[in-house]
Amino acid sequence: GYPMVKQARHMVREGHLGEVRKVIVEYSQ
């Protein structure tokens, strides 16, 4: 629900990054 997550989603889906090659996601507590 974060606005900038929605923006990131839009930019990836619209091809602003080109072909996605690598994803790094981290959740540390």
PDB file of all heavy atoms in Angstrom:
ATOM      1  N   GLY A   1       0.775  -1.224   0.000  1.00  0.00           N
ATOM      2  CA  GLY A   1       0.000   0.000   0.000  1.00  0.00           C
ATOM      3  C   GLY A   1       0.809   1.277   0.000  1.00  0.00           C
ATOM      4  O   GLY A   1       0.242   2.367  -0.142  1.00  0.00           O
ATOM      5  N   TYR A   2       2.121   1.202   0.145  1.00  0.00           N
ATOM      6  CA  TYR A   2       2.941   2.417   0.146  1.00  0.00           C
ATOM      7  C   TYR A   2       2.946   3.066  -1.239  1.00  0.00           C
ATOM      8  O   TYR A   2       3.088   2.377  -2.258  1.00  0.00           O
ATOM      9  CB  TYR A   2       4.379   2.089   0.534  1.00  0.00           C
ATOM     10  CG  TYR A   2       4.617   1.988   2.021  1.00  0.00           C
ATOM     11  CD1 TYR A   2       4.714   0.748   2.640  1.00  0.00           C
ATOM     12  CD2 TYR A   2       4.772   3.124   2.806  1.00  0.00           C
ATOM     13  CE1 TYR A   2       4.946   0.644   4.005  1.00  0.00           C
ATOM     14  CE2 TYR A   2       5.005   3.034   4.169  1.00  0.00           C
ATOM     15  CZ  TYR A   2       5.086   1.792   4.769  1.00  0.00           C
ATOM     16  OH  TYR A   2       5.308   1.700   6.116  1.00  0.00           O
ATOM     17  N   PRO A   3       2.815   4.394  -1.301  1.00  0.00           N
ATOM     18  CA  PRO A   3       2.827   5.069  -2.600  1.00  0.00           C
ATOM     19  C   PRO A   3       4.056   4.748  -3.445  1.00  0.00           C
ATOM     20  O   PRO A   3       3.944   4.539  -4.660  1.00  0.00           O
ATOM     21  CB  PRO A   3       2.779   6.558  -2.223  1.00  0.00           C
ATOM     22  CG  PRO A   3       2.115   6.597  -0.893  1.00  0.00           C
ATOM     23  CD  PRO A   3       2.553   5.342  -0.197  1.00  0.00           C
ATOM     24  N   MET A   4       5.239   4.716  -2.811  1.00  0.00           N
ATOM     25  CA  MET A   4       6.439   4.514  -3.600  1.00  0.00           C
ATOM     26  C   MET A   4       6.636   3.057  -4.015  1.00  0.00           C
ATOM     27  O   MET A   4       7.363   2.770  -4.974  1.00  0.00           O
ATOM     28  CB  MET A   4       7.676   5.047  -2.855  1.00  0.00           C
ATOM     29  CG  MET A   4       7.557   6.518  -2.452  1.00  0.00           C
ATOM     30  SD  MET A   4       6.816   7.582  -3.727  1.00  0.00           S
ATOM     31  CE  MET A   4       8.070   7.541  -4.997  1.00  0.00           C
ATOM     32  N   VAL A   5       5.976   2.132  -3.332  1.00  0.00           N
ATOM     33  CA  VAL A   5       5.938   0.753  -3.826  1.00  0.00           C
ATOM     34  C   VAL A   5       5.069   0.686  -5.076  1.00  0.00           C
ATOM     35  O   VAL A   5       5.416   0.018  -6.056  1.00  0.00           O
ATOM     36  CB  VAL A   5       5.415  -0.201  -2.733  1.00  0.00           C
ATOM     37  CG1 VAL A   5       5.122  -1.588  -3.305  1.00  0.00           C
ATOM     38  CG2 VAL A   5       6.441  -0.314  -1.604  1.00  0.00           C
ATOM     39  N   LYS A   6       3.952   1.406  -5.062  1.00  0.00           N
ATOM     40  CA  LYS A   6       3.111   1.452  -6.251  1.00  0.00           C
ATOM     41  C   LYS A   6       3.859   2.101  -7.423  1.00  0.00           C
ATOM     42  O   LYS A   6       3.725   1.672  -8.578  1.00  0.00           O
ATOM     43  CB  LYS A   6       1.819   2.221  -5.947  1.00  0.00           C
ATOM     44  CG  LYS A   6       0.910   1.506  -4.949  1.00  0.00           C
ATOM     45  CD  LYS A   6      -0.340   2.311  -4.678  1.00  0.00           C
ATOM     46  CE  LYS A   6      -1.252   1.604  -3.681  1.00  0.00           C
ATOM     47  NZ  LYS A   6      -1.843   0.360  -4.234  1.00  0.00           N
ATOM     48  N   GLN A   7       4.662   3.132  -7.123  1.00  0.00           N
ATOM     49  CA  GLN A   7       5.458   3.763  -8.177  1.00  0.00           C
ATOM     50  C   GLN A   7       6.521   2.809  -8.713  1.00  0.00           C
ATOM     51  O   GLN A   7       6.746   2.725  -9.929  1.00  0.00           O
ATOM     52  CB  GLN A   7       6.115   5.041  -7.647  1.00  0.00           C
ATOM     53  CG  GLN A   7       6.981   5.771  -8.652  1.00  0.00           C
ATOM     54  CD  GLN A   7       6.201   6.356  -9.816  1.00  0.00           C
ATOM     55  OE1 GLN A   7       4.990   6.570  -9.713  1.00  0.00           O
ATOM     56  NE2 GLN A   7       6.875   6.615 -10.927  1.00  0.00           N
ATOM     57  N   ALA A   8       7.176   2.088  -7.814  1.00  0.00           N
ATOM     58  CA  ALA A   8       8.178   1.112  -8.245  1.00  0.00           C
ATOM     59  C   ALA A   8       7.540   0.049  -9.134  1.00  0.00           C
ATOM     60  O   ALA A   8       8.089  -0.322 -10.181  1.00  0.00           O
ATOM     61  CB  ALA A   8       8.835   0.465  -7.030  1.00  0.00           C
ATOM     62  N   ARG A   9       6.402  -0.435  -8.731  1.00  0.00           N
ATOM     63  CA  ARG A   9       5.671  -1.422  -9.520  1.00  0.00           C
ATOM     64  C   ARG A   9       5.376  -0.876 -10.920  1.00  0.00           C
ATOM     65  O   ARG A   9       5.596  -1.552 -11.926  1.00  0.00           O
ATOM     66  CB  ARG A   9       4.370  -1.767  -8.786  1.00  0.00           C
ATOM     67  CG  ARG A   9       3.359  -2.571  -9.576  1.00  0.00           C
ATOM     68  CD  ARG A   9       2.063  -2.678  -8.770  1.00  0.00           C
ATOM     69  NE  ARG A   9       0.985  -3.227  -9.574  1.00  0.00           N
ATOM     70  CZ  ARG A   9       0.754  -4.522  -9.748  1.00  0.00           C
ATOM     71  NH1 ARG A   9       1.542  -5.408  -9.173  1.00  0.00           N
ATOM     72  NH2 ARG A   9      -0.250  -4.942 -10.487  1.00  0.00           N
ATOM     73  N   HIS A  10       4.876   0.354 -10.974  1.00  0.00           N
ATOM     74  CA  HIS A  10       4.549   0.980 -12.250  1.00  0.00           C
ATOM     75  C   HIS A  10       5.784   1.071 -13.146  1.00  0.00           C
ATOM     76  O   HIS A  10       5.714   0.759 -14.351  1.00  0.00           O
ATOM     77  CB  HIS A  10       3.973   2.382 -11.996  1.00  0.00           C
ATOM     78  CG  HIS A  10       3.834   3.219 -13.226  1.00  0.00           C
ATOM     79  ND1 HIS A  10       2.773   3.078 -14.109  1.00  0.00           N
ATOM     80  CD2 HIS A  10       4.631   4.206 -13.731  1.00  0.00           C
ATOM     81  CE1 HIS A  10       2.925   3.937 -15.094  1.00  0.00           C
ATOM     82  NE2 HIS A  10       4.027   4.638 -14.898  1.00  0.00           N
ATOM     83  N   MET A  11       6.908   1.499 -12.578  1.00  0.00           N
ATOM     84  CA  MET A  11       8.111   1.707 -13.387  1.00  0.00           C
ATOM     85  C   MET A  11       8.666   0.390 -13.910  1.00  0.00           C
ATOM     86  O   MET A  11       9.121   0.307 -15.054  1.00  0.00           O
ATOM     87  CB  MET A  11       9.153   2.465 -12.560  1.00  0.00           C
ATOM     88  CG  MET A  11       8.693   3.861 -12.175  1.00  0.00           C
ATOM     89  SD  MET A  11       9.857   4.754 -11.137  1.00  0.00           S
ATOM     90  CE  MET A  11      11.060   5.240 -12.377  1.00  0.00           C
ATOM     91  N   VAL A  12       8.614  -0.660 -13.102  1.00  0.00           N
ATOM     92  CA  VAL A  12       9.079  -1.962 -13.579  1.00  0.00           C
ATOM     93  C   VAL A  12       8.154  -2.482 -14.661  1.00  0.00           C
ATOM     94  O   VAL A  12       8.606  -2.933 -15.731  1.00  0.00           O
ATOM     95  CB  VAL A  12       9.165  -2.968 -12.413  1.00  0.00           C
ATOM     96  CG1 VAL A  12       9.461  -4.376 -12.940  1.00  0.00           C
ATOM     97  CG2 VAL A  12      10.235  -2.551 -11.411  1.00  0.00           C
ATOM     98  N   ARG A  13       6.839  -2.402 -14.415  1.00  0.00           N
ATOM     99  CA  ARG A  13       5.888  -2.939 -15.368  1.00  0.00           C
ATOM    100  C   ARG A  13       5.878  -2.161 -16.687  1.00  0.00           C
ATOM    101  O   ARG A  13       5.563  -2.714 -17.741  1.00  0.00           O
ATOM    102  CB  ARG A  13       4.477  -2.936 -14.766  1.00  0.00           C
ATOM    103  CG  ARG A  13       4.342  -3.710 -13.448  1.00  0.00           C
ATOM    104  CD  ARG A  13       4.757  -5.161 -13.555  1.00  0.00           C
ATOM    105  NE  ARG A  13       4.663  -5.846 -12.279  1.00  0.00           N
ATOM    106  CZ  ARG A  13       3.574  -6.472 -11.829  1.00  0.00           C
ATOM    107  NH1 ARG A  13       2.482  -6.493 -12.555  1.00  0.00           N
ATOM    108  NH2 ARG A  13       3.597  -7.079 -10.670  1.00  0.00           N
ATOM    109  N   GLU A  14       6.203  -0.862 -16.626  1.00  0.00           N
ATOM    110  CA  GLU A  14       6.220  -0.032 -17.837  1.00  0.00           C
ATOM    111  C   GLU A  14       7.573  -0.083 -18.557  1.00  0.00           C
ATOM    112  O   GLU A  14       7.766   0.610 -19.554  1.00  0.00           O
ATOM    113  CB  GLU A  14       5.882   1.419 -17.482  1.00  0.00           C
ATOM    114  CG  GLU A  14       4.448   1.629 -17.052  1.00  0.00           C
ATOM    115  CD  GLU A  14       3.458   1.287 -18.159  1.00  0.00           C
ATOM    116  OE1 GLU A  14       3.667   1.757 -19.290  1.00  0.00           O
ATOM    117  OE2 GLU A  14       2.492   0.550 -17.884  1.00  0.00           O
ATOM    118  N   GLY A  15       8.508  -0.865 -18.065  1.00  0.00           N
ATOM    119  CA  GLY A  15       9.771  -1.062 -18.760  1.00  0.00           C
ATOM    120  C   GLY A  15      10.846  -0.036 -18.499  1.00  0.00           C
ATOM    121  O   GLY A  15      11.850   0.015 -19.222  1.00  0.00           O
ATOM    122  N   HIS A  16      10.681   0.811 -17.468  1.00  0.00           N
ATOM    123  CA  HIS A  16      11.679   1.844 -17.185  1.00  0.00           C
ATOM    124  C   HIS A  16      13.038   1.246 -16.800  1.00  0.00           C
ATOM    125  O   HIS A  16      14.063   1.912 -16.950  1.00  0.00           O
ATOM    126  CB  HIS A  16      11.186   2.758 -16.060  1.00  0.00           C
ATOM    127  CG  HIS A  16      10.025   3.621 -16.447  1.00  0.00           C
ATOM    128  ND1 HIS A  16      10.156   4.943 -16.830  1.00  0.00           N
ATOM    129  CD2 HIS A  16       8.701   3.339 -16.545  1.00  0.00           C
ATOM    130  CE1 HIS A  16       8.964   5.436 -17.126  1.00  0.00           C
ATOM    131  NE2 HIS A  16       8.072   4.478 -16.959  1.00  0.00           N
ATOM    132  N   LEU A  17      13.030   0.030 -16.307  1.00  0.00           N
ATOM    133  CA  LEU A  17      14.282  -0.615 -15.906  1.00  0.00           C
ATOM    134  C   LEU A  17      14.835  -1.500 -17.017  1.00  0.00           C
ATOM    135  O   LEU A  17      15.925  -2.048 -16.877  1.00  0.00           O
ATOM    136  CB  LEU A  17      14.091  -1.454 -14.642  1.00  0.00           C
ATOM    137  CG  LEU A  17      14.230  -0.726 -13.294  1.00  0.00           C
ATOM    138  CD1 LEU A  17      13.192   0.366 -13.146  1.00  0.00           C
ATOM    139  CD2 LEU A  17      14.124  -1.719 -12.145  1.00  0.00           C
ATOM    140  N   GLY A  18      14.106  -1.659 -18.091  1.00  0.00           N
ATOM    141  CA  GLY A  18      14.497  -2.623 -19.113  1.00  0.00           C
ATOM    142  C   GLY A  18      14.116  -4.017 -18.666  1.00  0.00           C
ATOM    143  O   GLY A  18      13.148  -4.218 -17.909  1.00  0.00           O
ATOM    144  N   GLU A  19      14.867  -4.992 -19.100  1.00  0.00           N
ATOM    145  CA  GLU A  19      14.613  -6.378 -18.713  1.00  0.00           C
ATOM    146  C   GLU A  19      15.133  -6.614 -17.293  1.00  0.00           C
ATOM    147  O   GLU A  19      16.299  -6.372 -16.992  1.00  0.00           O
ATOM    148  CB  GLU A  19      15.318  -7.334 -19.672  1.00  0.00           C
ATOM    149  CG  GLU A  19      15.096  -8.800 -19.336  1.00  0.00           C
ATOM    150  CD  GLU A  19      15.867  -9.722 -20.243  1.00  0.00           C
ATOM    151  OE1 GLU A  19      16.588  -9.206 -21.130  1.00  0.00           O
ATOM    152  OE2 GLU A  19      15.766 -10.950 -20.079  1.00  0.00           O
ATOM    153  N   VAL A  20      14.265  -7.076 -16.401  1.00  0.00           N
ATOM    154  CA  VAL A  20      14.671  -7.325 -15.014  1.00  0.00           C
ATOM    155  C   VAL A  20      15.627  -8.515 -14.964  1.00  0.00           C
ATOM    156  O   VAL A  20      15.344  -9.585 -15.502  1.00  0.00           O
ATOM    157  CB  VAL A  20      13.452  -7.570 -14.118  1.00  0.00           C
ATOM    158  CG1 VAL A  20      13.888  -7.965 -12.706  1.00  0.00           C
ATOM    159  CG2 VAL A  20      12.577  -6.326 -14.061  1.00  0.00           C
ATOM    160  N   ARG A  21      16.760  -8.295 -14.296  1.00  0.00           N
ATOM    161  CA  ARG A  21      17.780  -9.334 -14.206  1.00  0.00           C
ATOM    162  C   ARG A  21      17.973  -9.868 -12.791  1.00  0.00           C
ATOM    163  O   ARG A  21      18.254 -11.040 -12.597  1.00  0.00           O
ATOM    164  CB  ARG A  21      19.112  -8.790 -14.719  1.00  0.00           C
ATOM    165  CG  ARG A  21      19.118  -8.466 -16.208  1.00  0.00           C
ATOM    166  CD  ARG A  21      20.394  -7.744 -16.611  1.00  0.00           C
ATOM    167  NE  ARG A  21      20.505  -7.612 -18.065  1.00  0.00           N
ATOM    168  CZ  ARG A  21      21.449  -6.892 -18.665  1.00  0.00           C
ATOM    169  NH1 ARG A  21      22.347  -6.229 -17.935  1.00  0.00           N
ATOM    170  NH2 ARG A  21      21.503  -6.835 -19.984  1.00  0.00           N
ATOM    171  N   LYS A  22      17.839  -8.969 -11.796  1.00  0.00           N
ATOM    172  CA  LYS A  22      18.123  -9.402 -10.428  1.00  0.00           C
ATOM    173  C   LYS A  22      17.233  -8.661  -9.439  1.00  0.00           C
ATOM    174  O   LYS A  22      16.980  -7.459  -9.584  1.00  0.00           O
ATOM    175  CB  LYS A  22      19.587  -9.157 -10.073  1.00  0.00           C
ATOM    176  CG  LYS A  22      19.980  -9.711  -8.702  1.00  0.00           C
ATOM    177  CD  LYS A  22      21.465  -9.962  -8.585  1.00  0.00           C
ATOM    178  CE  LYS A  22      21.801 -10.676  -7.289  1.00  0.00           C
ATOM    179  NZ  LYS A  22      23.208 -11.083  -7.224  1.00  0.00           N
ATOM    180  N   VAL A  23      16.776  -9.400  -8.421  1.00  0.00           N
ATOM    181  CA  VAL A  23      15.937  -8.852  -7.362  1.00  0.00           C
ATOM    182  C   VAL A  23      16.545  -9.251  -6.021  1.00  0.00           C
ATOM    183  O   VAL A  23      16.816 -10.432  -5.779  1.00  0.00           O
ATOM    184  CB  VAL A  23      14.493  -9.387  -7.452  1.00  0.00           C
ATOM    185  CG1 VAL A  23      13.621  -8.760  -6.353  1.00  0.00           C
ATOM    186  CG2 VAL A  23      13.903  -9.147  -8.831  1.00  0.00           C
ATOM    187  N   ILE A  24      16.759  -8.271  -5.168  1.00  0.00           N
ATOM    188  CA  ILE A  24      17.266  -8.532  -3.818  1.00  0.00           C
ATOM    189  C   ILE A  24      16.273  -7.939  -2.831  1.00  0.00           C
ATOM    190  O   ILE A  24      16.046  -6.726  -2.812  1.00  0.00           O
ATOM    191  CB  ILE A  24      18.657  -7.915  -3.593  1.00  0.00           C
ATOM    192  CG1 ILE A  24      19.646  -8.445  -4.626  1.00  0.00           C
ATOM    193  CG2 ILE A  24      19.159  -8.200  -2.174  1.00  0.00           C
ATOM    194  CD1 ILE A  24      21.009  -7.765  -4.578  1.00  0.00           C
ATOM    195  N   VAL A  25      15.664  -8.786  -2.013  1.00  0.00           N
ATOM    196  CA  VAL A  25      14.688  -8.321  -1.032  1.00  0.00           C
ATOM    197  C   VAL A  25      15.117  -8.830   0.343  1.00  0.00           C
ATOM    198  O   VAL A  25      15.498  -9.991   0.498  1.00  0.00           O
ATOM    199  CB  VAL A  25      13.257  -8.781  -1.398  1.00  0.00           C
ATOM    200  CG1 VAL A  25      13.140 -10.295  -1.465  1.00  0.00           C
ATOM    201  CG2 VAL A  25      12.236  -8.190  -0.438  1.00  0.00           C
ATOM    202  N   GLU A  26      15.083  -7.936   1.317  1.00  0.00           N
ATOM    203  CA  GLU A  26      15.555  -8.264   2.663  1.00  0.00           C
ATOM    204  C   GLU A  26      14.563  -7.755   3.694  1.00  0.00           C
ATOM    205  O   GLU A  26      14.053  -6.644   3.590  1.00  0.00           O
ATOM    206  CB  GLU A  26      16.919  -7.621   2.931  1.00  0.00           C
ATOM    207  CG  GLU A  26      17.419  -7.837   4.360  1.00  0.00           C
ATOM    208  CD  GLU A  26      18.725  -7.113   4.657  1.00  0.00           C
ATOM    209  OE1 GLU A  26      19.250  -6.466   3.716  1.00  0.00           O
ATOM    210  OE2 GLU A  26      19.201  -7.173   5.798  1.00  0.00           O
ATOM    211  N   TYR A  27      14.293  -8.597   4.700  1.00  0.00           N
ATOM    212  CA  TYR A  27      13.471  -8.185   5.830  1.00  0.00           C
ATOM    213  C   TYR A  27      14.172  -8.659   7.102  1.00  0.00           C
ATOM    214  O   TYR A  27      14.144  -9.838   7.433  1.00  0.00           O
ATOM    215  CB  TYR A  27      12.072  -8.790   5.728  1.00  0.00           C
ATOM    216  CG  TYR A  27      11.014  -8.057   6.534  1.00  0.00           C
ATOM    217  CD1 TYR A  27       9.662  -8.139   6.174  1.00  0.00           C
ATOM    218  CD2 TYR A  27      11.326  -7.293   7.651  1.00  0.00           C
ATOM    219  CE1 TYR A  27       8.683  -7.479   6.883  1.00  0.00           C
ATOM    220  CE2 TYR A  27      10.356  -6.631   8.377  1.00  0.00           C
ATOM    221  CZ  TYR A  27       9.028  -6.733   7.993  1.00  0.00           C
ATOM    222  OH  TYR A  27       8.060  -6.082   8.718  1.00  0.00           O
ATOM    223  N   SER A  28      14.813  -7.730   7.784  1.00  0.00           N
ATOM    224  CA  SER A  28      15.600  -8.068   8.961  1.00  0.00           C
ATOM    225  C   SER A  28      15.073  -7.356  10.198  1.00  0.00           C
ATOM    226  O   SER A  28      14.837  -6.148  10.197  1.00  0.00           O
ATOM    227  CB  SER A  28      17.074  -7.690   8.755  1.00  0.00           C
ATOM    228  OG  SER A  28      17.665  -8.515   7.769  1.00  0.00           O
ATOM    229  N   GLN A  29      14.874  -8.126  11.249  1.00  0.00           N
ATOM    230  CA  GLN A  29      14.495  -7.637  12.567  1.00  0.00           C
ATOM    231  C   GLN A  29      15.426  -8.257  13.604  1.00  0.00           C
ATOM    232  O   GLN A  29      16.090  -9.255  13.331  1.00  0.00           O
ATOM    233  CB  GLN A  29      13.051  -8.036  12.907  1.00  0.00           C
ATOM    234  CG  GLN A  29      12.000  -7.516  11.957  1.00  0.00           C
ATOM    235  CD  GLN A  29      10.627  -8.078  12.273  1.00  0.00           C
ATOM    236  OE1 GLN A  29      10.486  -9.171  12.820  1.00  0.00           O
ATOM    237  NE2 GLN A  29       9.591  -7.322  11.912  1.00  0.00           N
TER     238      GLN A  29
END
